[in-house]
Amino acid sequence: MPSSPLPFVVALSGLSSTGKSTIAIHLPLIFLPPHYTLTILHVDDFYKPKAHLPFRAGHLDWDCTGSLDWPRLEAAVRSWRAGKQVAEGKVNPQPESETGLAGGEGITQALVEELRGEFQGTAVGSLNPEPGAASQRVLILDGFLLFTPSVPSSFRSLLDLKILLRAPYAEAKRRREARSGYTTMEGWWEDPPGYFDTVVWPNYVEENQGFFVGGDVEGDVDEERCQREAVKAKMGTGRALGEVLRWVSGEMVRTLEERGGRR
């Protein structure tokens, strides 16, 4: 009987408004069935109830690890790894639509077809599985903090590829503040004045500074630390997302090849 390829979990993490969701929804157009089956889980669907959210600077804090229901999210990932279906619903189906990212900043149909062709020309994209072989299952996790120190280690151990999308402060702030608000499981949320500077950015810095030289999240990546923790970092916002999509798909291919292809 043909062997089943190992499940592959990709964590797309990083600062708010760096294009994570836009990248995530384009990946299934590159890694096609029947040889590949991609599922997307949006971490926005795993917030704690509003009444249980922590506070920071006098505001409800939606942008820290303490705002997420980690046992429920971990259970969903473990269930998927065990071969079960998980719901792909999302409370914010187009989170980047008001930032100019939806439609893609350089993500065109021509680019998607080009990347698909490049992938199909690789060892892991051109393999012809044995008759009856299972497809390579890939889970894309789209979230803002997925593998930082305060994330449970039991969850981090489930991740096969960790992608950190970066953003300059000024650009991320502009994009976040351009959004009118967010649909939540319990209604509608609008960032209060000063929310980015007092909540979003400090959380990002505190959680991710260890991945950068001298703790400067707008500076150079600490290559040794990132290599040790298998984190791949790339500037997201501030450049065409088409370039970022090309890089993310390339990292997926390289990691799959290192794992021995689909087998």
Protein backbone atom coordinates (compact mmCIF):
# COMPACT_ATOMS: atom_id res chain seq x y z
CA MET A 1 0.00 0.00 0.00
CA PRO A 2 1.40 3.45 -0.88
CA SER A 3 2.69 5.41 2.09
CA SER A 4 1.03 8.69 3.04
CA PRO A 5 3.19 11.83 3.05
CA LEU A 6 3.69 13.48 6.42
CA PRO A 7 1.32 16.38 7.14
CA PHE A 8 2.95 19.79 6.69
CA VAL A 9 2.02 22.79 8.87
CA VAL A 10 3.02 26.31 7.75
CA ALA A 11 2.69 29.19 10.24
CA LEU A 12 2.31 32.62 8.60
CA SER A 13 2.89 35.04 11.45
CA GLY A 14 3.89 38.64 11.98
CA LEU A 15 2.67 42.15 12.65
CA SER A 16 -0.89 43.18 11.81
CA SER A 17 -1.36 44.42 8.22
CA THR A 18 1.64 42.70 6.64
CA GLY A 19 -0.43 40.72 4.14
CA LYS A 20 -0.56 37.33 5.90
CA SER A 21 -4.15 36.57 4.93
CA THR A 22 -3.62 37.74 1.35
CA ILE A 23 -0.63 35.43 1.00
CA ALA A 24 -2.52 32.54 2.62
CA ILE A 25 -5.50 32.65 0.27
CA HIS A 26 -3.25 32.61 -2.83
CA LEU A 27 -1.16 29.56 -1.85
CA PRO A 28 -3.90 27.01 -2.75
CA LEU A 29 -3.77 28.42 -6.29
CA ILE A 30 -0.13 27.34 -6.55
CA PHE A 31 -0.10 24.00 -4.71
CA LEU A 32 -2.92 22.27 -6.53
CA PRO A 33 -4.88 19.05 -5.99
CA PRO A 34 -4.90 16.14 -6.47
CA HIS A 35 -1.27 15.88 -5.37
CA TYR A 36 -1.59 18.69 -2.78
CA THR A 37 -4.48 19.54 -0.46
CA LEU A 38 -4.24 22.88 1.35
CA THR A 39 -6.35 23.94 4.31
CA ILE A 40 -6.29 27.44 5.83
CA LEU A 41 -6.96 28.13 9.50
CA HIS A 42 -7.35 31.78 10.46
CA VAL A 43 -6.32 32.46 14.04
CA ASP A 44 -8.93 35.26 14.16
CA ASP A 45 -11.45 32.44 14.69
CA PHE A 46 -9.78 31.39 17.94
CA TYR A 47 -10.09 34.46 20.13
CA LYS A 48 -11.31 34.08 23.69
CA PRO A 49 -14.73 35.58 24.45
CA LYS A 50 -14.56 39.35 24.73
CA ALA A 51 -15.27 39.18 28.48
CA HIS A 52 -12.07 37.15 28.96
CA LEU A 53 -9.70 39.34 26.97
CA PRO A 54 -6.79 40.98 28.80
CA PHE A 55 -6.28 44.74 28.95
CA ARG A 56 -3.31 46.87 28.00
CA ALA A 57 -3.00 50.64 28.43
CA GLY A 58 -6.67 50.73 29.43
CA HIS A 59 -7.83 49.00 26.22
CA LEU A 60 -9.05 45.52 25.44
CA ASP A 61 -6.01 43.74 24.00
CA TRP A 62 -6.86 41.74 20.88
CA ASP A 63 -3.21 41.68 19.77
CA CYS A 64 -1.42 39.59 22.42
CA THR A 65 -1.04 35.86 22.87
CA GLY A 66 -3.24 36.08 25.97
CA SER A 67 -6.22 36.96 23.76
CA LEU A 68 -6.24 33.58 22.02
CA ASP A 69 -7.76 30.28 23.08
CA TRP A 70 -4.61 28.18 22.66
CA PRO A 71 -6.07 24.85 23.86
CA ARG A 72 -8.83 25.12 21.22
CA LEU A 73 -6.40 26.17 18.47
CA GLU A 74 -3.92 23.43 19.38
CA ALA A 75 -6.71 20.85 19.41
CA ALA A 76 -7.75 21.94 15.90
CA VAL A 77 -4.20 21.58 14.57
CA ARG A 78 -3.73 18.20 16.22
CA SER A 79 -7.06 17.05 14.81
CA TRP A 80 -5.98 18.12 11.33
CA ARG A 81 -2.62 16.37 11.71
CA ALA A 82 -4.54 13.22 12.64
CA GLY A 83 -6.33 13.35 9.29
CA LYS A 84 -9.60 14.97 10.31
CA GLN A 85 -11.30 17.89 8.61
CA VAL A 86 -11.27 21.28 10.32
CA ALA A 87 -13.56 24.22 9.65
CA GLU A 88 -12.05 26.98 7.53
CA GLY A 89 -14.58 29.67 8.48
CA LYS A 90 -13.39 33.19 9.16
CA VAL A 91 -14.95 36.18 10.87
CA ASN A 92 -12.93 38.63 8.72
CA PRO A 93 -12.96 37.07 5.22
CA GLN A 94 -11.16 40.05 3.60
CA PRO A 95 -9.09 41.60 6.41
CA GLU A 96 -6.79 43.44 4.04
CA SER A 97 -9.50 44.89 1.80
CA GLU A 98 -9.27 48.39 3.26
CA THR A 99 -5.48 48.48 3.24
CA GLY A 100 -5.00 48.05 -0.50
CA LEU A 101 -3.65 44.50 -0.11
CA ALA A 102 -6.71 42.61 -1.33
CA GLY A 103 -6.14 41.94 -4.97
CA GLY A 104 -2.61 41.79 -4.05
CA GLU A 105 -0.08 44.58 -4.63
CA GLY A 106 1.63 42.73 -7.45
CA ILE A 107 -0.25 39.44 -7.08
CA THR A 108 -1.68 38.89 -10.53
CA GLN A 109 -3.11 35.89 -12.32
CA ALA A 110 0.03 35.82 -14.45
CA LEU A 111 2.23 35.67 -11.35
CA VAL A 112 0.17 32.87 -9.80
CA GLU A 113 0.40 30.85 -13.01
CA GLU A 114 4.15 31.51 -13.17
CA LEU A 115 4.69 30.33 -9.59
CA ARG A 116 2.48 27.31 -10.19
CA GLY A 117 4.58 26.38 -13.21
CA GLU A 118 7.82 26.86 -11.27
CA PHE A 119 6.52 24.66 -8.48
CA GLN A 120 5.44 21.92 -10.89
CA GLY A 121 8.97 21.96 -12.26
CA THR A 122 10.51 21.14 -8.87
CA ALA A 123 11.16 17.69 -7.44
CA VAL A 124 8.23 17.96 -5.03
CA GLY A 125 5.93 19.45 -7.63
CA SER A 126 6.55 17.03 -10.46
CA LEU A 127 6.40 13.77 -8.55
CA ASN A 128 3.90 11.24 -9.83
CA PRO A 129 2.58 9.41 -6.76
CA GLU A 130 1.73 5.75 -6.88
CA PRO A 131 -1.86 4.91 -7.83
CA GLY A 132 -4.07 5.38 -4.81
CA ALA A 133 -1.48 7.44 -2.92
CA ALA A 134 -2.76 10.12 -0.58
CA SER A 135 -2.14 13.76 -1.43
CA GLN A 136 0.34 15.91 0.47
CA ARG A 137 -1.77 17.63 3.12
CA VAL A 138 -0.73 21.20 3.99
CA LEU A 139 -2.20 23.36 6.75
CA ILE A 140 -1.67 27.13 6.48
CA LEU A 141 -2.02 28.95 9.81
CA ASP A 142 -2.72 32.67 9.35
CA GLY A 143 -2.13 34.61 12.57
CA PHE A 144 -0.29 37.46 14.26
CA LEU A 145 1.68 35.62 17.00
CA LEU A 146 2.22 31.92 16.36
CA PHE A 147 5.71 30.93 17.54
CA THR A 148 6.94 33.62 19.94
CA PRO A 149 8.18 32.74 23.47
CA SER A 150 4.82 33.16 25.20
CA VAL A 151 3.09 30.72 22.82
CA PRO A 152 2.73 27.27 24.44
CA SER A 153 5.65 25.06 23.45
CA SER A 154 3.24 22.18 22.80
CA PHE A 155 1.70 24.29 20.03
CA ARG A 156 5.00 25.50 18.59
CA SER A 157 6.15 21.89 18.30
CA LEU A 158 3.37 21.27 15.75
CA LEU A 159 4.78 23.78 13.24
CA ASP A 160 6.92 22.55 10.34
CA LEU A 161 7.66 25.91 8.69
CA LYS A 162 7.61 29.23 10.57
CA ILE A 163 7.31 32.38 8.46
CA LEU A 164 7.63 35.82 10.06
CA LEU A 165 6.40 38.68 7.87
CA ARG A 166 7.94 41.97 8.95
CA ALA A 167 6.80 45.56 8.53
CA PRO A 168 8.23 49.03 9.10
CA TYR A 169 6.50 50.85 11.96
CA ALA A 170 5.19 53.76 9.89
CA GLU A 171 3.75 51.61 7.11
CA ALA A 172 2.13 49.12 9.50
CA LYS A 173 0.58 51.94 11.50
CA ARG A 174 -0.81 53.60 8.38
CA ARG A 175 -2.37 50.38 7.17
CA ARG A 176 -3.82 49.38 10.54
CA GLU A 177 -5.34 52.81 11.13
CA ALA A 178 -6.83 52.84 7.61
CA ARG A 179 -9.12 49.97 8.57
CA SER A 180 -12.61 50.92 9.70
CA GLY A 181 -12.90 47.96 12.04
CA TYR A 182 -13.23 44.21 12.42
CA THR A 183 -16.05 41.73 12.61
CA THR A 184 -15.64 39.57 15.72
CA MET A 185 -17.52 36.51 16.91
CA GLU A 186 -19.52 38.82 19.16
CA GLY A 187 -20.00 41.90 17.03
CA TRP A 188 -17.84 44.74 15.72
CA TRP A 189 -14.54 46.18 16.97
CA GLU A 190 -12.96 49.51 16.09
CA ASP A 191 -9.49 50.43 17.30
CA PRO A 192 -9.72 53.34 19.75
CA PRO A 193 -7.42 56.34 19.18
CA GLY A 194 -3.78 55.49 19.91
CA TYR A 195 -4.42 51.72 19.87
CA PHE A 196 -1.59 50.91 17.47
CA ASP A 197 1.02 52.77 19.52
CA THR A 198 -0.14 51.59 22.95
CA VAL A 199 -1.20 48.01 22.16
CA VAL A 200 -0.39 46.61 18.70
CA TRP A 201 3.20 47.78 18.25
CA PRO A 202 4.39 47.16 21.86
CA ASN A 203 3.01 43.60 21.75
CA TYR A 204 4.79 42.93 18.46
CA VAL A 205 8.10 44.31 19.74
CA GLU A 206 7.99 42.45 23.06
CA GLU A 207 7.14 39.14 21.42
CA ASN A 208 9.45 39.30 18.39
CA GLN A 209 12.48 41.34 19.43
CA GLY A 210 14.48 38.18 20.13
CA PHE A 211 14.52 37.41 16.41
CA PHE A 212 16.43 40.64 15.63
CA VAL A 213 19.92 41.92 16.34
CA GLY A 214 19.87 44.09 19.44
CA GLY A 215 16.11 43.65 19.74
CA ASP A 216 15.54 46.17 16.93
CA VAL A 217 12.51 44.79 15.05
CA GLU A 218 13.16 47.22 12.17
CA GLY A 219 16.82 46.22 11.96
CA ASP A 220 18.71 43.10 10.93
CA VAL A 221 17.42 39.62 11.59
CA ASP A 222 19.39 37.59 14.15
CA GLU A 223 20.33 34.86 11.69
CA GLU A 224 21.71 32.54 14.36
CA ARG A 225 18.58 32.73 16.51
CA CYS A 226 16.24 32.34 13.53
CA GLN A 227 18.21 29.36 12.22
CA ARG A 228 18.17 27.74 15.64
CA GLU A 229 14.40 28.13 15.93
CA ALA A 230 13.74 27.45 12.23
CA VAL A 231 12.15 30.87 11.65
CA LYS A 232 12.20 32.46 8.19
CA ALA A 233 11.79 36.27 8.24
CA LYS A 234 10.82 38.55 5.35
CA MET A 235 9.71 42.16 5.03
CA GLY A 236 6.04 42.10 4.07
CA THR A 237 4.34 45.49 3.98
CA GLY A 238 6.32 48.13 2.16
CA ARG A 239 7.01 46.06 -0.94
CA ALA A 240 4.90 44.28 -3.53
CA LEU A 241 3.17 41.26 -2.05
CA GLY A 242 3.85 39.39 -5.27
CA GLU A 243 7.49 39.24 -4.22
CA VAL A 244 6.49 37.99 -0.77
CA LEU A 245 4.22 35.32 -2.28
CA ARG A 246 7.11 34.14 -4.45
CA TRP A 247 9.37 33.94 -1.38
CA VAL A 248 6.83 32.10 0.81
CA SER A 249 6.04 29.52 -1.88
CA GLY A 250 9.78 29.05 -2.42
CA GLU A 251 10.35 28.43 1.29
CA MET A 252 7.54 25.87 1.26
CA VAL A 253 9.15 24.06 -1.67
CA ARG A 254 12.59 24.07 -0.02
CA THR A 255 11.22 22.71 3.24
CA LEU A 256 9.22 20.00 1.48
CA GLU A 257 12.34 18.99 -0.46
CA GLU A 258 14.36 18.81 2.77
CA ARG A 259 11.67 16.53 4.21
CA GLY A 260 12.13 14.14 1.30
CA GLY A 261 9.33 15.20 -0.99
CA ARG A 262 5.87 13.80 -0.66
CA ARG A 263 6.90 10.49 0.88
